[in-house]
C-alpha atoms as a PDB file:
ATOM      1  CA  UNK A   1      89.199  45.326-105.272  1.00  0.00           C
ATOM      2  CA  UNK A   2      90.021  42.924-108.068  1.00  0.00           C
ATOM      3  CA  UNK A   3      88.643  39.441-107.603  1.00  0.00           C
ATOM      4  CA  UNK A   4      90.615  36.712-109.399  1.00  0.00           C
ATOM      5  CA  UNK A   5      89.173  33.211-109.634  1.00  0.00           C
ATOM      6  CA  UNK A   6      91.404  30.455-110.999  1.00  0.00           C
ATOM      7  CA  UNK A   7      89.985  27.387-112.714  1.00  0.00           C
ATOM      8  CA  UNK A   8      91.422  23.950-111.993  1.00  0.00           C
ATOM      9  CA  UNK A   9      90.459  20.527-113.304  1.00  0.00           C
ATOM     10  CA  UNK A  10      92.005  17.320-111.994  1.00  0.00           C
ATOM     11  CA  UNK A  11      94.608  19.392-110.152  1.00  0.00           C
ATOM     12  CA  UNK A  12      95.592  21.257-113.348  1.00  0.00           C
ATOM     13  CA  UNK A  13      95.246  25.030-113.571  1.00  0.00           C
ATOM     14  CA  UNK A  14      93.829  26.036-116.945  1.00  0.00           C
ATOM     15  CA  UNK A  15      92.448  29.563-116.617  1.00  0.00           C
ATOM     16  CA  UNK A  16      91.203  32.453-114.566  1.00  0.00           C
ATOM     17  CA  UNK A  17      88.701  35.301-114.412  1.00  0.00           C
ATOM     18  CA  UNK A  18      89.561  38.766-113.123  1.00  0.00           C
ATOM     19  CA  UNK A  19      86.900  41.308-112.277  1.00  0.00           C
ATOM     20  CA  UNK A  20      86.865  44.781-110.796  1.00  0.00           C
ATOM     21  CA  UNK A  21      89.311  47.627-110.309  1.00  0.00           C
ATOM     22  CA  UNK A  22      92.002  47.203-107.677  1.00  0.00           C
ATOM     23  CA  UNK A  23      91.448  50.690-106.300  1.00  0.00           C
ATOM     24  CA  UNK A  24      95.109  51.098-105.390  1.00  0.00           C
ATOM     25  CA  UNK A  25      95.345  54.410-107.298  1.00  0.00           C
ATOM     26  CA  UNK A  26      93.667  56.405-110.048  1.00  0.00           C
ATOM     27  CA  UNK A  27      93.510  54.919-113.538  1.00  0.00           C
ATOM     28  CA  UNK A  28      96.877  55.239-115.224  1.00  0.00           C
ATOM     29  CA  UNK A  29      98.719  55.300-111.883  1.00  0.00           C
ATOM     30  CA  UNK A  30      97.565  52.004-110.389  1.00  0.00           C
ATOM     31  CA  UNK A  31     100.682  49.826-110.139  1.00  0.00           C
ATOM     32  CA  UNK A  32      98.732  46.822-108.842  1.00  0.00           C
ATOM     33  CA  UNK A  33      96.426  46.950-111.877  1.00  0.00           C
ATOM     34  CA  UNK A  34      99.461  47.365-114.147  1.00  0.00           C
ATOM     35  CA  UNK A  35     101.065  44.275-112.627  1.00  0.00           C
ATOM     36  CA  UNK A  36      97.912  42.208-113.203  1.00  0.00           C
ATOM     37  CA  UNK A  37      97.584  43.432-116.791  1.00  0.00           C
ATOM     38  CA  UNK A  38     101.231  42.684-117.551  1.00  0.00           C
ATOM     39  CA  UNK A  39     101.089  39.176-116.112  1.00  0.00           C
ATOM     40  CA  UNK A  40      97.816  38.433-117.916  1.00  0.00           C
ATOM     41  CA  UNK A  41      99.204  39.525-121.280  1.00  0.00           C
ATOM     42  CA  UNK A  42     102.415  37.545-120.643  1.00  0.00           C
ATOM     43  CA  UNK A  43     100.348  34.387-120.205  1.00  0.00           C
ATOM     44  CA  UNK A  44      98.213  35.029-123.290  1.00  0.00           C
ATOM     45  CA  UNK A  45     101.190  35.826-125.521  1.00  0.00           C
ATOM     46  CA  UNK A  46     103.349  32.986-124.218  1.00  0.00           C
ATOM     47  CA  UNK A  47     100.682  30.314-124.712  1.00  0.00           C
ATOM     48  CA  UNK A  48      99.682  31.623-128.132  1.00  0.00           C
ATOM     49  CA  UNK A  49     103.024  32.669-129.630  1.00  0.00           C
ATOM     50  CA  UNK A  50     105.702  30.651-127.844  1.00  0.00           C
ATOM     51  CA  UNK A  51     103.875  27.368-127.204  1.00  0.00           C
ATOM     52  CA  UNK A  52     101.497  27.524-130.202  1.00  0.00           C
ATOM     53  CA  UNK A  53      98.771  26.567-127.768  1.00  0.00           C
ATOM     54  CA  UNK A  54      95.061  27.177-127.877  1.00  0.00           C
ATOM     55  CA  UNK A  55      94.018  30.052-125.622  1.00  0.00           C
ATOM     56  CA  UNK A  56      90.678  31.802-125.344  1.00  0.00           C
ATOM     57  CA  UNK A  57      90.383  35.210-123.762  1.00  0.00           C
ATOM     58  CA  UNK A  58      87.963  38.067-123.453  1.00  0.00           C
ATOM     59  CA  UNK A  59      88.925  41.508-122.183  1.00  0.00           C
ATOM     60  CA  UNK A  60      85.982  43.786-121.443  1.00  0.00           C
ATOM     61  CA  UNK A  61      87.244  47.239-120.464  1.00  0.00           C
ATOM     62  CA  UNK A  62      83.717  48.475-119.807  1.00  0.00           C
ATOM     63  CA  UNK A  63      82.881  45.931-117.106  1.00  0.00           C
ATOM     64  CA  UNK A  64      86.520  45.322-116.100  1.00  0.00           C
ATOM     65  CA  UNK A  65      86.184  41.578-116.591  1.00  0.00           C
ATOM     66  CA  UNK A  66      88.981  39.506-118.094  1.00  0.00           C
ATOM     67  CA  UNK A  67      88.561  35.786-118.772  1.00  0.00           C
ATOM     68  CA  UNK A  68      91.435  33.573-119.911  1.00  0.00           C
ATOM     69  CA  UNK A  69      91.316  29.791-120.453  1.00  0.00           C
ATOM     70  CA  UNK A  70      93.525  27.361-122.313  1.00  0.00           C
ATOM     71  CA  UNK A  71      92.554  23.863-123.394  1.00  0.00           C
ATOM     72  CA  UNK A  72      96.263  23.283-124.022  1.00  0.00           C
ATOM     73  CA  UNK A  73      96.735  22.783-120.266  1.00  0.00           C
ATOM     74  CA  UNK A  74      94.403  19.779-120.128  1.00  0.00           C
ATOM     75  CA  UNK A  75      95.074  16.177-121.216  1.00  0.00           C
ATOM     76  CA  UNK A  76      91.641  15.733-122.793  1.00  0.00           C
ATOM     77  CA  UNK A  77      92.465  18.479-125.318  1.00  0.00           C
ATOM     78  CA  UNK A  78      96.261  18.412-125.701  1.00  0.00           C
ATOM     79  CA  UNK A  79      98.293  15.280-126.449  1.00  0.00           C
ATOM     80  CA  UNK A  80     101.723  16.891-125.971  1.00  0.00           C
ATOM     81  CA  UNK A  81     102.584  16.403-122.310  1.00  0.00           C
ATOM     82  CA  UNK A  82     105.367  19.011-122.380  1.00  0.00           C
ATOM     83  CA  UNK A  83     103.023  21.645-123.777  1.00  0.00           C
ATOM     84  CA  UNK A  84     100.390  20.816-121.134  1.00  0.00           C
ATOM     85  CA  UNK A  85     102.982  21.079-118.389  1.00  0.00           C
ATOM     86  CA  UNK A  86     104.253  24.428-119.700  1.00  0.00           C
ATOM     87  CA  UNK A  87     100.812  25.976-120.160  1.00  0.00           C
ATOM     88  CA  UNK A  88      99.402  24.817-116.839  1.00  0.00           C
ATOM     89  CA  UNK A  89     102.644  25.943-115.212  1.00  0.00           C
ATOM     90  CA  UNK A  90     102.014  29.499-116.400  1.00  0.00           C
ATOM     91  CA  UNK A  91      98.610  29.557-114.726  1.00  0.00           C
ATOM     92  CA  UNK A  92      99.972  28.009-111.521  1.00  0.00           C
ATOM     93  CA  UNK A  93     102.857  30.471-111.514  1.00  0.00           C
ATOM     94  CA  UNK A  94     100.433  33.389-111.856  1.00  0.00           C
ATOM     95  CA  UNK A  95      98.378  32.020-108.962  1.00  0.00           C
ATOM     96  CA  UNK A  96     101.465  31.703-106.755  1.00  0.00           C
ATOM     97  CA  UNK A  97     102.691  35.167-107.741  1.00  0.00           C
ATOM     98  CA  UNK A  98      99.331  36.632-106.757  1.00  0.00           C
ATOM     99  CA  UNK A  99      99.494  34.810-103.424  1.00  0.00           C
ATOM    100  CA  UNK A 100     102.812  36.557-102.767  1.00  0.00           C
ATOM    101  CA  UNK A 101     101.455  39.916-103.947  1.00  0.00           C
ATOM    102  CA  UNK A 102      98.467  39.581-101.624  1.00  0.00           C
ATOM    103  CA  UNK A 103     100.771  39.559 -98.593  1.00  0.00           C
ATOM    104  CA  UNK A 104     101.278  43.295 -99.109  1.00  0.00           C
ATOM    105  CA  UNK A 105      98.286  44.230-101.284  1.00  0.00           C
ATOM    106  CA  UNK A 106      95.508  42.249 -99.559  1.00  0.00           C
ATOM    107  CA  UNK A 107      93.206  45.295 -99.551  1.00  0.00           C
ATOM    108  CA  UNK A 108      93.189  45.346-103.353  1.00  0.00           C
ATOM    109  CA  UNK A 109      93.087  41.663-104.358  1.00  0.00           C
ATOM    110  CA  UNK A 110      91.027  38.578-103.698  1.00  0.00           C
ATOM    111  CA  UNK A 111      92.286  35.262-105.096  1.00  0.00           C
ATOM    112  CA  UNK A 112      90.443  31.945-105.090  1.00  0.00           C
ATOM    113  CA  UNK A 113      90.468  28.594-106.875  1.00  0.00           C
ATOM    114  CA  UNK A 114      87.483  26.609-108.096  1.00  0.00           C
ATOM    115  CA  UNK A 115      87.595  23.028-109.270  1.00  0.00           C
ATOM    116  CA  UNK A 116      85.642  23.004-112.483  1.00  0.00           C
ATOM    117  CA  UNK A 117      85.612  21.044-115.705  1.00  0.00           C
ATOM    118  CA  UNK A 118      86.655  23.014-118.763  1.00  0.00           C
ATOM    119  CA  UNK A 119      83.743  24.994-120.177  1.00  0.00           C
ATOM    120  CA  UNK A 120      83.929  27.068-123.357  1.00  0.00           C
ATOM    121  CA  UNK A 121      81.448  29.539-121.868  1.00  0.00           C
ATOM    122  CA  UNK A 122      83.575  30.760-118.959  1.00  0.00           C
END
């Protein structure tokens, strides 16, 4: 099972942590894992390349832990309200997409939200 924990501060989604293998199928054939990887990379590339936002991420293939956070979603770090709205919207959209995916793939995913101030050491 893959456990995904989203980070939220003041109602604003600014990151997530994914850990574990989904177990849907063998490596290379796991469509649930492929979906998670694709959506994660979409968020990273969109924030970094399209919005020129600050995004921090760590992908550890050995421990299967992925951490992604963006200060650009939070008002204390980003002055541009449109950029904040766009970046936080990506994280919220991913959360909502996973909620939909869990309706059919609940055996392979666990999704939660924690209210937490931004921390560079996530």
